[in-house]
Amino acid sequence: MKTKQIVEALLFASDAPLTAADIARADESLDEDMVEAAIQELRVEYDRTERAVQIFEIAGGYQLLTRPE
């Protein structure tokens, strides 16, 4: 599975913010730098395609939430 897909799935499934370390622990092929890069790519993709969700940085972690508007 690709890094972005793993990150997106974990953020979608979680009801609490996840740190890059939390996400990296979910798959032994990931490290925190890879997770951070995937999050940045997903943020750009979500903005470019005007998705209803975006990734927020909250409480030292990341969470997938609906856009305020």
PDB file of N, CA and C in Angstrom:
ATOM      1  N   MET A   1       0.850  -1.179   0.000  1.00  0.00           N
ATOM      2  CA  MET A   1       0.000   0.000   0.000  1.00  0.00           C
ATOM      3  C   MET A   1       0.893   1.238   0.000  1.00  0.00           C
ATOM      4  N   LYS A   2       0.455   2.258  -0.679  1.00  0.00           N
ATOM      5  CA  LYS A   2       1.239   3.485  -0.765  1.00  0.00           C
ATOM      6  C   LYS A   2       1.138   4.303   0.521  1.00  0.00           C
ATOM      7  N   THR A   3       2.170   5.080   0.771  1.00  0.00           N
ATOM      8  CA  THR A   3       2.246   5.873   1.997  1.00  0.00           C
ATOM      9  C   THR A   3       1.038   6.786   2.160  1.00  0.00           C
ATOM     10  N   LYS A   4       0.664   7.523   1.113  1.00  0.00           N
ATOM     11  CA  LYS A   4      -0.474   8.444   1.232  1.00  0.00           C
ATOM     12  C   LYS A   4      -1.751   7.696   1.582  1.00  0.00           C
ATOM     13  N   GLN A   5      -1.938   6.526   1.011  1.00  0.00           N
ATOM     14  CA  GLN A   5      -3.143   5.750   1.300  1.00  0.00           C
ATOM     15  C   GLN A   5      -3.173   5.294   2.752  1.00  0.00           C
ATOM     16  N   ILE A   6      -2.032   4.875   3.266  1.00  0.00           N
ATOM     17  CA  ILE A   6      -1.957   4.441   4.661  1.00  0.00           C
ATOM     18  C   ILE A   6      -2.261   5.607   5.594  1.00  0.00           C
ATOM     19  N   VAL A   7      -1.622   6.736   5.331  1.00  0.00           N
ATOM     20  CA  VAL A   7      -1.823   7.928   6.168  1.00  0.00           C
ATOM     21  C   VAL A   7      -3.281   8.359   6.128  1.00  0.00           C
ATOM     22  N   GLU A   8      -3.840   8.433   4.943  1.00  0.00           N
ATOM     23  CA  GLU A   8      -5.229   8.862   4.789  1.00  0.00           C
ATOM     24  C   GLU A   8      -6.183   7.905   5.511  1.00  0.00           C
ATOM     25  N   ALA A   9      -5.969   6.614   5.376  1.00  0.00           N
ATOM     26  CA  ALA A   9      -6.839   5.627   6.016  1.00  0.00           C
ATOM     27  C   ALA A   9      -6.779   5.738   7.537  1.00  0.00           C
ATOM     28  N   LEU A  10      -5.576   5.895   8.077  1.00  0.00           N
ATOM     29  CA  LEU A  10      -5.444   6.007   9.526  1.00  0.00           C
ATOM     30  C   LEU A  10      -6.086   7.283  10.057  1.00  0.00           C
ATOM     31  N   LEU A  11      -5.887   8.391   9.351  1.00  0.00           N
ATOM     32  CA  LEU A  11      -6.514   9.645   9.779  1.00  0.00           C
ATOM     33  C   LEU A  11      -8.029   9.553   9.689  1.00  0.00           C
ATOM     34  N   PHE A  12      -8.534   8.907   8.654  1.00  0.00           N
ATOM     35  CA  PHE A  12      -9.975   8.752   8.468  1.00  0.00           C
ATOM     36  C   PHE A  12     -10.582   7.896   9.590  1.00  0.00           C
ATOM     37  N   ALA A  13      -9.876   6.858   9.976  1.00  0.00           N
ATOM     38  CA  ALA A  13     -10.407   5.912  10.960  1.00  0.00           C
ATOM     39  C   ALA A  13     -10.288   6.402  12.402  1.00  0.00           C
ATOM     40  N   SER A  14      -9.434   7.367  12.643  1.00  0.00           N
ATOM     41  CA  SER A  14      -9.180   7.814  14.009  1.00  0.00           C
ATOM     42  C   SER A  14     -10.136   8.925  14.431  1.00  0.00           C
ATOM     43  N   ASP A  15     -10.605   8.830  15.674  1.00  0.00           N
ATOM     44  CA  ASP A  15     -11.455   9.905  16.200  1.00  0.00           C
ATOM     45  C   ASP A  15     -10.656  10.891  17.043  1.00  0.00           C
ATOM     46  N   ALA A  16      -9.336  10.706  17.078  1.00  0.00           N
ATOM     47  CA  ALA A  16      -8.449  11.598  17.828  1.00  0.00           C
ATOM     48  C   ALA A  16      -7.244  11.949  16.962  1.00  0.00           C
ATOM     49  N   PRO A  17      -6.594  13.072  17.235  1.00  0.00           N
ATOM     50  CA  PRO A  17      -5.404  13.424  16.450  1.00  0.00           C
ATOM     51  C   PRO A  17      -4.317  12.353  16.586  1.00  0.00           C
ATOM     52  N   LEU A  18      -3.603  12.121  15.499  1.00  0.00           N
ATOM     53  CA  LEU A  18      -2.487  11.168  15.465  1.00  0.00           C
ATOM     54  C   LEU A  18      -1.199  11.918  15.149  1.00  0.00           C
ATOM     55  N   THR A  19      -0.137  11.601  15.859  1.00  0.00           N
ATOM     56  CA  THR A  19       1.158  12.191  15.540  1.00  0.00           C
ATOM     57  C   THR A  19       1.769  11.437  14.362  1.00  0.00           C
ATOM     58  N   ALA A  20       2.796  12.024  13.766  1.00  0.00           N
ATOM     59  CA  ALA A  20       3.508  11.343  12.685  1.00  0.00           C
ATOM     60  C   ALA A  20       4.101  10.039  13.204  1.00  0.00           C
ATOM     61  N   ALA A  21       4.549  10.025  14.441  1.00  0.00           N
ATOM     62  CA  ALA A  21       5.105   8.804  15.030  1.00  0.00           C
ATOM     63  C   ALA A  21       4.028   7.729  15.191  1.00  0.00           C
ATOM     64  N   ASP A  22       2.833   8.131  15.600  1.00  0.00           N
ATOM     65  CA  ASP A  22       1.720   7.179  15.719  1.00  0.00           C
ATOM     66  C   ASP A  22       1.452   6.515  14.377  1.00  0.00           C
ATOM     67  N   ILE A  23       1.394   7.325  13.342  1.00  0.00           N
ATOM     68  CA  ILE A  23       1.096   6.820  12.008  1.00  0.00           C
ATOM     69  C   ILE A  23       2.227   5.927  11.507  1.00  0.00           C
ATOM     70  N   ALA A  24       3.457   6.335  11.732  1.00  0.00           N
ATOM     71  CA  ALA A  24       4.612   5.553  11.272  1.00  0.00           C
ATOM     72  C   ALA A  24       4.652   4.179  11.937  1.00  0.00           C
ATOM     73  N   ARG A  25       4.206   4.084  13.170  1.00  0.00           N
ATOM     74  CA  ARG A  25       4.204   2.794  13.873  1.00  0.00           C
ATOM     75  C   ARG A  25       3.213   1.805  13.270  1.00  0.00           C
ATOM     76  N   ALA A  26       2.266   2.278  12.508  1.00  0.00           N
ATOM     77  CA  ALA A  26       1.240   1.404  11.941  1.00  0.00           C
ATOM     78  C   ALA A  26       1.775   0.512  10.813  1.00  0.00           C
ATOM     79  N   ASP A  27       2.888   0.895  10.219  1.00  0.00           N
ATOM     80  CA  ASP A  27       3.463   0.122   9.113  1.00  0.00           C
ATOM     81  C   ASP A  27       4.977   0.225   9.200  1.00  0.00           C
ATOM     82  N   GLU A  28       5.640  -0.897   9.239  1.00  0.00           N
ATOM     83  CA  GLU A  28       7.092  -0.892   9.439  1.00  0.00           C
ATOM     84  C   GLU A  28       7.870  -0.257   8.292  1.00  0.00           C
ATOM     85  N   SER A  29       7.235  -0.069   7.141  1.00  0.00           N
ATOM     86  CA  SER A  29       7.930   0.563   6.013  1.00  0.00           C
ATOM     87  C   SER A  29       7.928   2.088   6.100  1.00  0.00           C
ATOM     88  N   LEU A  30       7.196   2.650   7.079  1.00  0.00           N
ATOM     89  CA  LEU A  30       7.075   4.102   7.197  1.00  0.00           C
ATOM     90  C   LEU A  30       8.011   4.670   8.257  1.00  0.00           C
ATOM     91  N   ASP A  31       8.416   5.919   8.045  1.00  0.00           N
ATOM     92  CA  ASP A  31       9.094   6.674   9.089  1.00  0.00           C
ATOM     93  C   ASP A  31       8.399   8.032   9.184  1.00  0.00           C
ATOM     94  N   GLU A  32       8.738   8.793  10.196  1.00  0.00           N
ATOM     95  CA  GLU A  32       8.044  10.063  10.441  1.00  0.00           C
ATOM     96  C   GLU A  32       8.194  11.047   9.286  1.00  0.00           C
ATOM     97  N   ASP A  33       9.361  11.088   8.650  1.00  0.00           N
ATOM     98  CA  ASP A  33       9.567  11.993   7.517  1.00  0.00           C
ATOM     99  C   ASP A  33       8.648  11.640   6.357  1.00  0.00           C
ATOM    100  N   MET A  34       8.488  10.346   6.107  1.00  0.00           N
ATOM    101  CA  MET A  34       7.592   9.895   5.035  1.00  0.00           C
ATOM    102  C   MET A  34       6.149  10.287   5.341  1.00  0.00           C
ATOM    103  N   VAL A  35       5.767  10.150   6.594  1.00  0.00           N
ATOM    104  CA  VAL A  35       4.409  10.500   7.016  1.00  0.00           C
ATOM    105  C   VAL A  35       4.180  11.997   6.845  1.00  0.00           C
ATOM    106  N   GLU A  36       5.119  12.804   7.304  1.00  0.00           N
ATOM    107  CA  GLU A  36       4.996  14.267   7.171  1.00  0.00           C
ATOM    108  C   GLU A  36       4.882  14.676   5.698  1.00  0.00           C
ATOM    109  N   ALA A  37       5.685  14.060   4.841  1.00  0.00           N
ATOM    110  CA  ALA A  37       5.640  14.368   3.406  1.00  0.00           C
ATOM    111  C   ALA A  37       4.285  13.971   2.821  1.00  0.00           C
ATOM    112  N   ALA A  38       3.775  12.823   3.217  1.00  0.00           N
ATOM    113  CA  ALA A  38       2.473  12.369   2.718  1.00  0.00           C
ATOM    114  C   ALA A  38       1.363  13.310   3.169  1.00  0.00           C
ATOM    115  N   ILE A  39       1.441  13.776   4.404  1.00  0.00           N
ATOM    116  CA  ILE A  39       0.431  14.711   4.912  1.00  0.00           C
ATOM    117  C   ILE A  39       0.447  16.003   4.096  1.00  0.00           C
ATOM    118  N   GLN A  40       1.628  16.508   3.799  1.00  0.00           N
ATOM    119  CA  GLN A  40       1.724  17.729   2.997  1.00  0.00           C
ATOM    120  C   GLN A  40       1.151  17.506   1.595  1.00  0.00           C
ATOM    121  N   GLU A  41       1.447  16.359   0.989  1.00  0.00           N
ATOM    122  CA  GLU A  41       0.910  16.044  -0.338  1.00  0.00           C
ATOM    123  C   GLU A  41      -0.609  15.935  -0.297  1.00  0.00           C
ATOM    124  N   LEU A  42      -1.139  15.292   0.732  1.00  0.00           N
ATOM    125  CA  LEU A  42      -2.589  15.166   0.857  1.00  0.00           C
ATOM    126  C   LEU A  42      -3.241  16.526   1.051  1.00  0.00           C
ATOM    127  N   ARG A  43      -2.628  17.392   1.841  1.00  0.00           N
ATOM    128  CA  ARG A  43      -3.179  18.736   2.031  1.00  0.00           C
ATOM    129  C   ARG A  43      -3.286  19.486   0.705  1.00  0.00           C
ATOM    130  N   VAL A  44      -2.235  19.418  -0.093  1.00  0.00           N
ATOM    131  CA  VAL A  44      -2.232  20.075  -1.403  1.00  0.00           C
ATOM    132  C   VAL A  44      -3.306  19.466  -2.301  1.00  0.00           C
ATOM    133  N   GLU A  45      -3.374  18.144  -2.311  1.00  0.00           N
ATOM    134  CA  GLU A  45      -4.363  17.449  -3.138  1.00  0.00           C
ATOM    135  C   GLU A  45      -5.789  17.805  -2.727  1.00  0.00           C
ATOM    136  N   TYR A  46      -6.049  17.832  -1.419  1.00  0.00           N
ATOM    137  CA  TYR A  46      -7.385  18.179  -0.929  1.00  0.00           C
ATOM    138  C   TYR A  46      -7.757  19.608  -1.306  1.00  0.00           C
ATOM    139  N   ASP A  47      -6.819  20.535  -1.217  1.00  0.00           N
ATOM    140  CA  ASP A  47      -7.084  21.924  -1.593  1.00  0.00           C
ATOM    141  C   ASP A  47      -7.315  22.057  -3.093  1.00  0.00           C
ATOM    142  N   ARG A  48      -6.454  21.401  -3.869  1.00  0.00           N
ATOM    143  CA  ARG A  48      -6.534  21.500  -5.331  1.00  0.00           C
ATOM    144  C   ARG A  48      -7.852  20.940  -5.860  1.00  0.00           C
ATOM    145  N   THR A  49      -8.319  19.858  -5.259  1.00  0.00           N
ATOM    146  CA  THR A  49      -9.540  19.215  -5.736  1.00  0.00           C
ATOM    147  C   THR A  49     -10.784  19.654  -4.966  1.00  0.00           C
ATOM    148  N   GLU A  50     -10.600  20.631  -4.085  1.00  0.00           N
ATOM    149  CA  GLU A  50     -11.700  21.207  -3.313  1.00  0.00           C
ATOM    150  C   GLU A  50     -12.517  20.154  -2.573  1.00  0.00           C
ATOM    151  N   ARG A  51     -11.815  19.264  -1.898  1.00  0.00           N
ATOM    152  CA  ARG A  51     -12.482  18.210  -1.124  1.00  0.00           C
ATOM    153  C   ARG A  51     -13.195  18.802   0.075  1.00  0.00           C
ATOM    154  N   ALA A  52     -14.143  18.080   0.594  1.00  0.00           N
ATOM    155  CA  ALA A  52     -14.923  18.531   1.747  1.00  0.00           C
ATOM    156  C   ALA A  52     -14.152  18.392   3.053  1.00  0.00           C
ATOM    157  N   VAL A  53     -13.017  17.710   3.003  1.00  0.00           N
ATOM    158  CA  VAL A  53     -12.211  17.501   4.205  1.00  0.00           C
ATOM    159  C   VAL A  53     -10.839  18.125   4.032  1.00  0.00           C
ATOM    160  N   GLN A  54     -10.175  18.315   5.154  1.00  0.00           N
ATOM    161  CA  GLN A  54      -8.790  18.750   5.140  1.00  0.00           C
ATOM    162  C   GLN A  54      -8.114  18.213   6.392  1.00  0.00           C
ATOM    163  N   ILE A  55      -6.787  18.231   6.377  1.00  0.00           N
ATOM    164  CA  ILE A  55      -6.023  17.729   7.513  1.00  0.00           C
ATOM    165  C   ILE A  55      -5.626  18.910   8.384  1.00  0.00           C
ATOM    166  N   PHE A  56      -6.080  18.878   9.636  1.00  0.00           N
ATOM    167  CA  PHE A  56      -5.773  19.922  10.595  1.00  0.00           C
ATOM    168  C   PHE A  56      -4.690  19.434  11.544  1.00  0.00           C
ATOM    169  N   GLU A  57      -3.843  20.354  11.986  1.00  0.00           N
ATOM    170  CA  GLU A  57      -2.859  20.046  13.018  1.00  0.00           C
ATOM    171  C   GLU A  57      -3.468  20.468  14.346  1.00  0.00           C
ATOM    172  N   ILE A  58      -3.721  19.487  15.208  1.00  0.00           N
ATOM    173  CA  ILE A  58      -4.415  19.721  16.464  1.00  0.00           C
ATOM    174  C   ILE A  58      -3.726  18.937  17.577  1.00  0.00           C
ATOM    175  N   ALA A  59      -3.510  19.579  18.709  1.00  0.00           N
ATOM    176  CA  ALA A  59      -2.995  18.916  19.913  1.00  0.00           C
ATOM    177  C   ALA A  59      -1.732  18.099  19.639  1.00  0.00           C
ATOM    178  N   GLY A  60      -0.850  18.633  18.807  1.00  0.00           N
ATOM    179  CA  GLY A  60       0.406  17.952  18.525  1.00  0.00           C
ATOM    180  C   GLY A  60       0.303  16.819  17.535  1.00  0.00           C
ATOM    181  N   GLY A  61      -0.871  16.657  16.928  1.00  0.00           N
ATOM    182  CA  GLY A  61      -1.071  15.590  15.946  1.00  0.00           C
ATOM    183  C   GLY A  61      -1.870  16.093  14.770  1.00  0.00           C
ATOM    184  N   TYR A  62      -2.308  15.164  13.952  1.00  0.00           N
ATOM    185  CA  TYR A  62      -3.070  15.496  12.751  1.00  0.00           C
ATOM    186  C   TYR A  62      -4.419  14.807  12.808  1.00  0.00           C
ATOM    187  N   GLN A  63      -5.428  15.512  12.267  1.00  0.00           N
ATOM    188  CA  GLN A  63      -6.768  14.938  12.232  1.00  0.00           C
ATOM    189  C   GLN A  63      -7.464  15.352  10.947  1.00  0.00           C
ATOM    190  N   LEU A  64      -8.180  14.424  10.376  1.00  0.00           N
ATOM    191  CA  LEU A  64      -8.960  14.666   9.161  1.00  0.00           C
ATOM    192  C   LEU A  64     -10.335  15.157   9.586  1.00  0.00           C
ATOM    193  N   LEU A  65     -10.678  16.390   9.183  1.00  0.00           N
ATOM    194  CA  LEU A  65     -11.945  16.994   9.566  1.00  0.00           C
ATOM    195  C   LEU A  65     -12.596  17.658   8.363  1.00  0.00           C
ATOM    196  N   THR A  66     -13.901  17.877   8.459  1.00  0.00           N
ATOM    197  CA  THR A  66     -14.578  18.597   7.390  1.00  0.00           C
ATOM    198  C   THR A  66     -14.144  20.052   7.417  1.00  0.00           C
ATOM    199  N   ARG A  67     -14.183  20.653   6.252  1.00  0.00           N
ATOM    200  CA  ARG A  67     -13.825  22.081   6.153  1.00  0.00           C
ATOM    201  C   ARG A  67     -14.854  22.927   6.882  1.00  0.00           C
ATOM    202  N   PRO A  68     -14.417  24.003   7.498  1.00  0.00           N
ATOM    203  CA  PRO A  68     -15.363  24.844   8.250  1.00  0.00           C
ATOM    204  C   PRO A  68     -16.481  25.412   7.383  1.00  0.00           C
ATOM    205  N   GLU A  69     -16.171  25.723   6.146  1.00  0.00           N
ATOM    206  CA  GLU A  69     -17.202  26.304   5.293  1.00  0.00           C
ATOM    207  C   GLU A  69     -18.153  25.266   4.800  1.00  0.00           C
TER     208      GLU A  69
END
